[in-house]
Amino acid sequence: MAERIEYRRRHEPVGALFPRAQGPAEALRFALPAERVAFFREHGYVAPIRVLDVAQLQALRDGMTRMTSPGYPRAGELIGLSKQAGEPTATPQMIYFQGAWLAEEAFHDILFHPAIAVPAAQLLEGGVRFFHDQVFFKPAKHGGVVAWHQDYSYWQRTAPIGHLTCFIALDDATLDNGCLHVIPGSQRWNLLPTVKLVGGDEDMEAIKQVLSPEQRAAFKPTPIQLKAGECSFHHPLTLHGSYANRSERPRRSFVLNFMKPDTKSASDKPLMPGAAVVPPGQVVQGDDFPLVLDKVQVAGIAG
């Protein structure tokens, strides 16, 4: 029987699926051009960025198939996984869960993939710490949506705002199958009240009830269509959402949420389900929040 690896305690890649950047000089080859960093600063997102090769993409797809199949042996480590995952239902359900990095080597090691970590360091202007992951699996013909929202609305138990989201497409993400949409420039807006996050088409309109007249005038959704193996990055205040999958094929994606290494707790409760409590005012760190890149490793490439 293969050894059960406790991925939470491994703060470096376990396998050899992803390359390693040994120092700033090597990391430079994964860096975004200055004009793409400037685009992010202006618009609150940047895409597309190729981050996975064929073997890496297939390893993640295979891992997702295992995790969403009945009887998966590490299902207890997957936070929020529907009991119906992998079972036929009358109405297809969007599968959403966290904690894939705790259960599968490829999903753990991608945290440290320099094609993702180095651009994250540039956009965060320094080191990079992992916050949490998310799996979104929209089956074919699934009518659900992820309504317009700002990520930091759900992360106020950490402070200050110094976060970043990386959306990785495991299938082509298109208009037909519910690709991500963003509102360019909305990272400069105030923190908005939350609305119902998952539901039907009518919930995509709910956000307009909490927008100012100026924000409603600037509300011009931009689709982020990605090829499988590409990613996008967006700011924690960038308003974004995704429409229903109307196509005959699934839309699978994996999301990595990062933060600056000196981000502090602003709550006396667990910052993530299953995570240890970090007392208010203390830096968020430890096995649940591994450091991906420190300031020394990204010297000369951040910003």
Protein backbone atom coordinates (compact mmCIF):
# COMPACT_ATOMS: atom_id res chain seq x y z
CA MET A 1 0.00 0.00 0.00
CA ALA A 2 1.33 3.43 -0.95
CA GLU A 3 2.34 5.73 1.88
CA ARG A 4 -0.32 8.27 2.82
CA ILE A 5 1.33 11.64 2.40
CA GLU A 6 0.24 14.47 4.67
CA TYR A 7 0.39 17.20 2.05
CA ARG A 8 -0.51 19.91 4.58
CA ARG A 9 2.89 19.45 6.20
CA ARG A 10 4.83 19.59 2.94
CA HIS A 11 5.69 23.21 2.13
CA GLU A 12 7.42 22.39 -1.14
CA PRO A 13 6.62 20.26 -4.20
CA VAL A 14 6.39 16.54 -3.51
CA GLY A 15 6.69 15.27 -7.09
CA ALA A 16 8.38 16.30 -10.32
CA LEU A 17 5.33 17.30 -12.40
CA PHE A 18 6.10 21.01 -12.18
CA PRO A 19 9.46 22.75 -12.68
CA ARG A 20 11.25 24.54 -9.87
CA ALA A 21 12.80 27.98 -10.05
CA GLN A 22 16.09 27.94 -8.16
CA GLY A 23 16.52 31.60 -7.35
CA PRO A 24 15.62 34.98 -8.89
CA ALA A 25 17.56 34.48 -12.13
CA GLU A 26 15.67 31.30 -12.97
CA ALA A 27 12.37 32.78 -11.82
CA LEU A 28 12.72 35.59 -14.37
CA ARG A 29 11.83 33.27 -17.24
CA PHE A 30 8.35 32.85 -15.71
CA ALA A 31 7.79 36.58 -15.13
CA LEU A 32 5.07 38.59 -16.84
CA PRO A 33 6.16 41.40 -19.17
CA ALA A 34 5.87 44.86 -17.64
CA GLU A 35 2.95 45.77 -19.90
CA ARG A 36 0.88 42.87 -18.56
CA VAL A 37 1.55 43.89 -14.98
CA ALA A 38 0.51 47.44 -15.92
CA PHE A 39 -2.68 46.07 -17.50
CA PHE A 40 -3.52 44.32 -14.23
CA ARG A 41 -2.96 47.51 -12.25
CA GLU A 42 -5.28 49.44 -14.57
CA HIS A 43 -8.05 46.90 -15.13
CA GLY A 44 -7.93 44.60 -12.09
CA TYR A 45 -7.27 41.41 -14.05
CA VAL A 46 -4.91 39.91 -16.60
CA ALA A 47 -5.44 36.99 -19.00
CA PRO A 48 -4.77 34.66 -20.71
CA ILE A 49 -1.55 33.21 -19.30
CA ARG A 50 -0.39 29.73 -20.30
CA VAL A 51 0.58 27.83 -17.12
CA LEU A 52 0.07 24.10 -17.85
CA ASP A 53 1.53 21.72 -20.39
CA VAL A 54 -0.31 18.64 -21.65
CA ALA A 55 0.99 16.29 -18.91
CA GLN A 56 0.24 18.75 -16.10
CA LEU A 57 -3.25 19.41 -17.43
CA GLN A 58 -4.02 15.70 -17.67
CA ALA A 59 -2.72 15.01 -14.16
CA LEU A 60 -5.09 17.65 -12.75
CA ARG A 61 -8.03 16.36 -14.78
CA ASP A 62 -7.34 12.80 -13.61
CA GLY A 63 -7.10 13.98 -10.01
CA MET A 64 -10.41 15.80 -10.28
CA THR A 65 -12.04 12.66 -11.69
CA ARG A 66 -10.79 10.67 -8.71
CA MET A 67 -11.88 13.24 -6.16
CA THR A 68 -15.41 13.51 -7.57
CA SER A 69 -15.95 9.75 -7.85
CA PRO A 70 -17.85 7.71 -5.24
CA GLY A 71 -15.64 6.03 -2.65
CA TYR A 72 -12.69 8.40 -3.00
CA PRO A 73 -10.46 7.39 -0.04
CA ARG A 74 -9.50 10.93 0.99
CA ALA A 75 -12.95 12.47 0.57
CA GLY A 76 -12.91 13.46 4.23
CA GLU A 77 -10.21 16.04 3.48
CA LEU A 78 -12.26 17.71 0.74
CA ILE A 79 -14.23 20.58 2.26
CA GLY A 80 -17.81 20.95 1.07
CA LEU A 81 -17.76 18.15 -1.52
CA SER A 82 -21.32 17.21 -2.42
CA LYS A 83 -22.36 13.73 -1.39
CA GLN A 84 -23.79 13.35 -4.89
CA ALA A 85 -20.39 13.83 -6.57
CA GLY A 86 -19.90 11.16 -9.18
CA GLU A 87 -23.46 9.82 -8.83
CA PRO A 88 -26.17 10.25 -11.49
CA THR A 89 -28.87 12.78 -10.57
CA ALA A 90 -32.02 13.97 -12.30
CA THR A 91 -30.62 17.49 -12.43
CA PRO A 92 -26.86 18.00 -12.95
CA GLN A 93 -25.28 19.84 -10.05
CA MET A 94 -22.33 22.19 -9.98
CA ILE A 95 -19.66 20.50 -7.89
CA TYR A 96 -17.77 22.86 -5.60
CA PHE A 97 -15.28 22.08 -2.87
CA GLN A 98 -12.04 23.17 -1.24
CA GLY A 99 -9.02 21.25 -0.02
CA ALA A 100 -7.89 19.48 -3.19
CA TRP A 101 -4.31 20.48 -2.27
CA LEU A 102 -4.61 18.30 0.84
CA ALA A 103 -5.57 15.14 -1.05
CA GLU A 104 -3.83 15.00 -4.45
CA GLU A 105 -0.15 15.49 -5.29
CA ALA A 106 -0.74 17.49 -8.47
CA PHE A 107 -3.16 19.85 -6.71
CA HIS A 108 -0.66 20.30 -3.87
CA ASP A 109 2.38 20.86 -6.05
CA ILE A 110 0.73 23.38 -8.35
CA LEU A 111 0.77 25.82 -5.40
CA PHE A 112 4.51 26.13 -5.98
CA HIS A 113 4.47 26.07 -9.80
CA PRO A 114 6.68 29.02 -10.84
CA ALA A 115 4.51 29.75 -13.90
CA ILE A 116 1.83 30.75 -11.36
CA ALA A 117 3.84 31.74 -8.29
CA VAL A 118 6.20 34.15 -10.05
CA PRO A 119 3.43 36.21 -11.73
CA ALA A 120 1.59 36.16 -8.40
CA ALA A 121 4.68 37.66 -6.75
CA GLN A 122 4.77 40.41 -9.36
CA LEU A 123 1.10 41.26 -8.91
CA LEU A 124 1.36 41.14 -5.10
CA GLU A 125 4.62 43.11 -5.25
CA GLY A 126 6.57 40.75 -3.01
CA GLY A 127 6.36 37.29 -1.49
CA VAL A 128 3.42 34.93 -1.87
CA ARG A 129 1.52 32.89 0.72
CA PHE A 130 -1.20 30.36 -0.08
CA PHE A 131 -4.66 31.15 1.33
CA HIS A 132 -7.03 28.48 0.01
CA ASP A 133 -8.08 26.58 -3.10
CA GLN A 134 -11.41 26.00 -4.85
CA VAL A 135 -12.66 23.42 -7.35
CA PHE A 136 -15.51 24.41 -9.68
CA PHE A 137 -16.99 21.68 -11.89
CA LYS A 138 -19.91 22.80 -14.05
CA PRO A 139 -21.44 19.76 -15.76
CA ALA A 140 -22.79 19.99 -19.30
CA LYS A 141 -26.13 21.78 -19.53
CA HIS A 142 -25.93 22.96 -15.92
CA GLY A 143 -28.13 25.99 -15.28
CA GLY A 144 -26.42 27.34 -12.16
CA VAL A 145 -24.36 30.50 -11.98
CA VAL A 146 -21.76 32.03 -9.68
CA ALA A 147 -23.20 35.50 -9.16
CA TRP A 148 -21.27 38.77 -9.31
CA HIS A 149 -19.10 39.29 -6.23
CA GLN A 150 -15.79 40.57 -4.89
CA ASP A 151 -13.61 37.89 -3.33
CA TYR A 152 -12.53 40.04 -0.39
CA SER A 153 -16.17 40.28 0.72
CA TYR A 154 -15.68 36.73 2.01
CA TRP A 155 -12.12 37.25 3.29
CA GLN A 156 -12.57 40.13 5.74
CA ARG A 157 -11.33 37.87 8.53
CA THR A 158 -7.87 38.71 7.16
CA ALA A 159 -6.33 42.19 6.86
CA PRO A 160 -5.21 44.32 5.18
CA ILE A 161 -6.39 43.67 1.62
CA GLY A 162 -3.40 42.01 -0.01
CA HIS A 163 -4.84 39.04 -1.87
CA LEU A 164 -4.90 37.62 -5.40
CA THR A 165 -6.98 35.02 -7.23
CA CYS A 166 -5.71 32.70 -9.97
CA PHE A 167 -8.40 30.95 -12.05
CA ILE A 168 -7.02 27.93 -13.94
CA ALA A 169 -9.05 26.42 -16.79
CA LEU A 170 -8.95 22.62 -17.00
CA ASP A 171 -11.32 22.74 -19.99
CA ASP A 172 -11.69 25.47 -22.58
CA ALA A 173 -13.72 28.21 -20.85
CA THR A 174 -16.08 29.83 -23.34
CA LEU A 175 -19.21 31.96 -23.47
CA ASP A 176 -21.28 28.81 -24.01
CA ASN A 177 -20.00 26.88 -21.00
CA GLY A 178 -19.93 29.65 -18.42
CA CYS A 179 -16.54 31.34 -18.54
CA LEU A 180 -15.54 33.92 -15.96
CA HIS A 181 -16.62 37.54 -16.56
CA VAL A 182 -15.11 40.62 -14.90
CA ILE A 183 -15.92 44.32 -14.61
CA PRO A 184 -12.69 46.08 -15.62
CA GLY A 185 -11.63 48.81 -13.22
CA SER A 186 -13.94 47.66 -10.41
CA GLN A 187 -10.91 46.96 -8.19
CA ARG A 188 -11.05 50.69 -7.42
CA TRP A 189 -14.62 50.45 -6.11
CA ASN A 190 -15.60 50.25 -2.48
CA LEU A 191 -16.24 46.91 -0.81
CA LEU A 192 -19.79 46.02 -1.82
CA PRO A 193 -22.47 44.21 0.22
CA THR A 194 -22.71 40.51 -0.56
CA VAL A 195 -25.60 38.98 -2.49
CA LYS A 196 -26.69 35.40 -3.08
CA LEU A 197 -23.65 33.74 -4.62
CA VAL A 198 -24.88 30.54 -6.26
CA GLY A 199 -28.23 30.18 -7.97
CA GLY A 200 -30.02 30.95 -11.22
CA ASP A 201 -29.84 33.59 -13.92
CA GLU A 202 -31.88 36.04 -11.84
CA ASP A 203 -29.11 36.12 -9.22
CA MET A 204 -26.68 37.63 -11.76
CA GLU A 205 -28.79 40.80 -11.63
CA ALA A 206 -28.86 41.07 -7.83
CA ILE A 207 -25.55 42.94 -7.62
CA LYS A 208 -27.03 45.96 -9.42
CA GLN A 209 -29.19 46.65 -6.38
CA VAL A 210 -26.12 47.59 -4.33
CA LEU A 211 -24.28 49.64 -6.99
CA SER A 212 -24.12 53.41 -7.08
CA PRO A 213 -25.32 55.19 -10.25
CA GLU A 214 -21.68 55.68 -11.28
CA GLN A 215 -20.94 51.98 -10.76
CA ARG A 216 -24.00 50.93 -12.72
CA ALA A 217 -22.85 53.12 -15.60
CA ALA A 218 -19.42 51.43 -15.50
CA PHE A 219 -20.93 47.94 -15.24
CA LYS A 220 -19.68 46.51 -18.55
CA PRO A 221 -18.99 42.75 -18.25
CA THR A 222 -15.93 41.44 -20.06
CA PRO A 223 -15.67 37.69 -20.68
CA ILE A 224 -12.38 35.90 -19.96
CA GLN A 225 -12.29 33.06 -22.45
CA LEU A 226 -9.45 30.64 -21.77
CA LYS A 227 -7.97 27.57 -23.42
CA ALA A 228 -7.48 24.54 -21.20
CA GLY A 229 -4.19 25.05 -19.34
CA GLU A 230 -4.44 28.84 -19.32
CA CYS A 231 -5.19 31.03 -16.32
CA SER A 232 -6.31 34.48 -15.35
CA PHE A 233 -5.45 36.59 -12.29
CA HIS A 234 -7.77 39.10 -10.67
CA HIS A 235 -7.64 41.58 -7.79
CA PRO A 236 -9.66 40.76 -4.61
CA LEU A 237 -11.98 43.73 -5.22
CA THR A 238 -12.54 43.06 -8.93
CA LEU A 239 -16.21 42.29 -9.46
CA HIS A 240 -16.58 38.97 -11.26
CA GLY A 241 -18.99 36.10 -11.85
CA SER A 242 -19.82 33.30 -14.27
CA TYR A 243 -22.95 32.40 -16.18
CA ALA A 244 -24.52 28.97 -16.67
CA ASN A 245 -23.00 26.19 -18.73
CA ARG A 246 -25.34 25.87 -21.72
CA SER A 247 -22.98 23.64 -23.68
CA GLU A 248 -22.72 19.87 -24.20
CA ARG A 249 -19.39 19.66 -22.37
CA PRO A 250 -18.20 20.30 -18.83
CA ARG A 251 -16.34 23.33 -17.55
CA ARG A 252 -13.80 22.27 -14.94
CA SER A 253 -11.55 24.77 -13.19
CA PHE A 254 -9.22 25.07 -10.24
CA VAL A 255 -8.76 28.30 -8.31
CA LEU A 256 -5.78 29.27 -6.17
CA ASN A 257 -6.14 32.18 -3.76
CA PHE A 258 -2.96 33.83 -2.53
CA MET A 259 -2.07 36.63 -0.12
CA LYS A 260 0.93 38.67 0.94
CA PRO A 261 3.15 36.87 3.49
CA ASP A 262 2.50 39.45 6.21
CA THR A 263 -1.31 39.28 6.02
CA LYS A 264 -2.78 39.15 9.53
CA SER A 265 -5.78 37.48 11.10
CA ALA A 266 -8.76 39.70 11.91
CA SER A 267 -10.86 36.97 13.51
CA ASP A 268 -10.84 34.71 16.55
CA LYS A 269 -12.44 31.94 14.46
CA PRO A 270 -10.81 29.57 11.92
CA LEU A 271 -9.92 31.52 8.75
CA MET A 272 -10.79 28.47 6.64
CA PRO A 273 -12.86 25.37 7.48
CA GLY A 274 -10.64 22.88 9.28
CA ALA A 275 -7.76 25.32 9.75
CA ALA A 276 -6.21 26.16 13.10
CA VAL A 277 -7.23 29.47 14.66
CA VAL A 278 -4.81 32.33 14.09
CA PRO A 279 -5.31 34.89 16.90
CA PRO A 280 -6.36 38.38 15.72
CA GLY A 281 -3.39 40.58 14.88
CA GLN A 282 -1.02 37.69 14.26
CA VAL A 283 0.45 36.86 10.85
CA VAL A 284 -1.47 34.14 9.02
CA GLN A 285 0.99 31.26 8.65
CA GLY A 286 1.55 27.60 9.47
CA ASP A 287 0.70 24.31 7.79
CA ASP A 288 -2.69 25.55 6.54
CA PHE A 289 -1.15 28.60 4.86
CA PRO A 290 2.27 27.66 3.44
CA LEU A 291 4.68 30.24 2.11
CA VAL A 292 4.99 29.79 -1.66
CA LEU A 293 7.69 32.37 -2.40
CA ASP A 294 9.54 34.61 0.04
CA LYS A 295 10.95 38.07 -0.65
CA VAL A 296 14.46 36.76 -1.25
CA GLN A 297 13.25 34.31 -3.91
CA VAL A 298 11.47 37.06 -5.84
CA ALA A 299 14.04 39.82 -5.40
CA GLY A 300 14.27 41.80 -8.62
CA ILE A 301 11.05 40.47 -10.21
CA ALA A 302 8.26 41.73 -7.94
CA GLY A 303 6.30 44.81 -8.86
